[in-house]
Protein backbone atom coordinates (compact mmCIF):
# COMPACT_ATOMS: atom_id res chain seq x y z
CA MET A 1 -7.71 16.10 -25.87
CA ILE A 2 -8.31 12.50 -24.30
CA VAL A 3 -7.08 11.45 -21.13
CA MET A 4 -7.39 7.79 -19.71
CA SER A 5 -6.66 6.94 -16.07
CA VAL A 6 -6.89 3.91 -14.04
CA ASP A 7 -7.41 3.41 -10.16
CA PRO A 8 -5.98 -0.17 -9.80
CA GLY A 9 -7.14 -2.60 -7.19
CA GLN A 10 -10.14 -4.94 -6.44
CA HIS A 11 -12.41 -1.85 -6.53
CA GLY A 12 -10.65 -0.08 -9.51
CA ALA A 13 -11.97 1.44 -12.51
CA LEU A 14 -10.88 2.90 -16.12
CA ALA A 15 -11.93 6.45 -16.74
CA VAL A 16 -11.61 8.67 -19.78
CA ILE A 17 -12.05 12.43 -20.34
CA SER A 18 -12.80 13.50 -23.84
CA GLU A 19 -14.00 16.95 -24.76
CA GLY A 20 -14.96 17.70 -21.18
CA LYS A 21 -17.03 14.73 -20.70
CA LEU A 22 -16.31 11.64 -18.40
CA TRP A 23 -16.68 8.11 -19.10
CA ALA A 24 -15.85 5.46 -16.37
CA GLU A 25 -16.40 1.78 -15.77
CA PRO A 26 -15.26 -0.57 -13.11
CA LEU A 27 -12.50 -2.98 -13.84
CA ALA A 28 -13.48 -6.55 -14.72
CA PHE A 29 -12.49 -9.21 -12.32
CA VAL A 30 -12.94 -13.09 -12.41
CA ASP A 31 -12.46 -14.85 -9.00
CA GLY A 32 -10.82 -11.85 -7.55
CA GLU A 33 -8.27 -11.33 -10.11
CA VAL A 34 -8.16 -8.83 -13.16
CA ASP A 35 -9.87 -10.21 -16.27
CA ILE A 36 -7.04 -9.57 -18.63
CA PRO A 37 -9.00 -10.07 -21.97
CA GLU A 38 -12.08 -8.02 -20.78
CA THR A 39 -9.69 -5.32 -19.33
CA THR A 40 -7.69 -5.17 -22.60
CA ARG A 41 -10.85 -4.80 -24.63
CA LEU A 42 -12.17 -2.04 -22.30
CA ILE A 43 -8.76 -0.17 -22.45
CA HIS A 44 -8.49 -0.94 -26.33
CA SER A 45 -11.82 0.56 -26.94
CA TRP A 46 -10.78 4.07 -25.73
CA LEU A 47 -7.30 4.29 -27.44
CA PRO A 48 -6.82 7.80 -28.74
CA GLU A 49 -4.00 8.84 -30.74
CA ASN A 50 -0.69 9.30 -28.79
CA PRO A 51 -2.43 7.80 -25.96
CA VAL A 52 -1.41 8.55 -22.37
CA CYS A 53 -2.71 6.85 -19.12
CA TYR A 54 -2.43 8.23 -15.78
CA ILE A 55 -2.28 5.48 -13.10
CA GLU A 56 -2.42 5.66 -9.42
CA LYS A 57 1.00 4.47 -8.09
CA ALA A 58 0.84 1.38 -6.09
CA PHE A 59 2.54 1.16 -2.79
CA GLY A 60 1.95 -1.00 0.36
CA MET A 61 -0.15 0.47 3.19
CA LYS A 62 0.50 0.14 6.93
CA GLY A 63 -1.91 -2.31 8.47
CA GLN A 64 -2.73 -4.05 4.95
CA GLY A 65 -2.34 -7.86 5.04
CA VAL A 66 0.19 -9.74 3.00
CA VAL A 67 -2.33 -11.50 0.86
CA SER A 68 -4.31 -8.23 0.03
CA THR A 69 -1.02 -6.41 -0.60
CA PHE A 70 0.10 -9.13 -3.01
CA ASN A 71 -3.48 -9.21 -4.83
CA TYR A 72 -3.12 -5.52 -5.26
CA GLY A 73 0.37 -5.44 -6.40
CA THR A 74 -0.61 -8.23 -8.91
CA GLY A 75 -3.40 -6.31 -10.40
CA TYR A 76 -1.53 -3.24 -10.61
CA GLY A 77 1.20 -5.30 -12.55
CA VAL A 78 -1.35 -6.77 -14.90
CA ILE A 79 -2.78 -3.24 -15.68
CA ARG A 80 0.68 -1.77 -16.35
CA GLY A 81 1.30 -4.86 -18.70
CA ILE A 82 -1.74 -4.40 -20.49
CA LEU A 83 -1.03 -0.71 -20.98
CA GLY A 84 2.51 -1.34 -22.05
CA CYS A 85 1.64 -4.04 -24.61
CA LEU A 86 -0.95 -1.73 -26.00
CA GLY A 87 1.87 1.03 -26.49
CA ILE A 88 0.05 3.54 -24.00
CA ARG A 89 2.52 5.95 -22.38
CA THR A 90 2.06 5.65 -18.59
CA ILE A 91 2.46 8.22 -15.80
CA LEU A 92 2.27 7.20 -12.43
CA VAL A 93 0.79 9.37 -9.87
CA PRO A 94 1.00 9.00 -6.20
CA PRO A 95 -2.38 9.37 -4.49
CA GLN A 96 -1.15 12.18 -2.34
CA ARG A 97 -0.20 14.22 -5.49
CA TRP A 98 -3.55 13.95 -7.22
CA MET A 99 -5.37 14.58 -3.93
CA LYS A 100 -3.56 17.59 -3.00
CA VAL A 101 -4.74 19.13 -6.22
CA LEU A 102 -8.23 17.84 -6.51
CA HIS A 103 -9.15 18.14 -2.76
CA TYR A 104 -8.18 21.70 -2.42
CA GLY A 105 -10.63 23.67 -0.58
CA ILE A 106 -12.26 20.83 0.96
CA PRO A 107 -12.01 20.50 4.81
CA ARG A 108 -9.11 18.32 5.85
CA ASP A 109 -10.80 16.84 8.66
CA ILE A 110 -13.09 14.68 6.48
CA ASP A 111 -11.88 11.19 5.37
CA ALA A 112 -10.11 11.02 2.15
CA LYS A 113 -12.83 8.82 0.37
CA ARG A 114 -15.46 11.29 1.27
CA ARG A 115 -13.24 14.23 0.27
CA SER A 116 -12.73 12.39 -3.09
CA LEU A 117 -16.52 12.03 -3.45
CA MET A 118 -17.09 15.73 -2.70
CA ALA A 119 -14.43 16.74 -5.27
CA PHE A 120 -15.85 14.25 -7.88
CA GLU A 121 -19.42 15.80 -7.35
CA GLN A 122 -18.04 19.44 -7.83
CA ILE A 123 -16.10 18.57 -10.98
CA PHE A 124 -18.62 16.09 -12.57
CA PRO A 125 -21.98 17.39 -11.55
CA GLY A 126 -24.65 14.99 -12.26
CA PHE A 127 -22.39 12.00 -13.33
CA ASP A 128 -23.67 8.83 -11.83
CA ALA A 129 -20.65 7.28 -10.08
CA THR A 130 -22.59 3.90 -9.13
CA ALA A 131 -21.45 0.79 -10.79
CA PRO A 132 -24.04 -1.07 -12.50
CA GLY A 133 -26.37 -2.74 -10.24
CA GLY A 134 -24.99 -0.78 -7.22
CA ARG A 135 -26.54 1.70 -4.87
CA THR A 136 -23.57 3.80 -3.58
CA PRO A 137 -20.88 5.61 -5.49
CA HIS A 138 -17.93 3.10 -6.73
CA THR A 139 -14.93 4.45 -5.13
CA GLY A 140 -12.70 3.10 -8.07
CA ILE A 141 -14.90 5.22 -10.59
CA VAL A 142 -14.74 8.41 -8.24
CA ASP A 143 -10.94 7.90 -7.78
CA ALA A 144 -10.34 7.06 -11.68
CA GLY A 145 -12.21 10.09 -12.60
CA LEU A 146 -10.19 12.45 -10.38
CA ILE A 147 -7.13 10.91 -11.66
CA ALA A 148 -8.11 11.46 -15.16
CA GLU A 149 -9.16 15.07 -14.23
CA TYR A 150 -5.63 15.39 -12.72
CA GLY A 151 -3.97 14.32 -15.91
CA ARG A 152 -6.19 16.55 -17.95
CA ARG A 153 -5.11 19.64 -15.91
CA MET A 154 -1.23 18.63 -16.23
CA MET A 155 -1.61 17.95 -19.95
CA ALA A 156 -3.36 21.50 -20.27
CA ASP A 157 -0.62 23.07 -18.22
CA LEU A 158 2.05 21.61 -20.94
CA LYS A 159 0.47 23.28 -23.71
């Protein structure tokens, strides 16, 4: 079973779980916008039979500026368009849903990004979540990996 996932946004990433192994890469951007040809190539390179992709459902956040909300929504739409053009079935997952499942057992008094990193390290021990040339874990890789794991679990429950 191969499960794809996308964490959209400026620090987003694509992840794929296949045979229990994780592969993840940050999304490509040019001048702050999703690089459509490169992102399409990236997604297409991992197309399994009967593809399905779990994608974090976009929503506006309180306190987020109009420009950043518009840019996030634009990138989200581009990703959805690429997936649709490639014939990839898309399942939208609100962040609260996948976090509830994968943050289980992690103290709630820790901020969500740190809880995600802790969950990621438990599920994918030894996986280097830093982006090429980076020093700290890439939040998009962490979230995309967790969304893919959420999708894997949901698909396993359907069998």
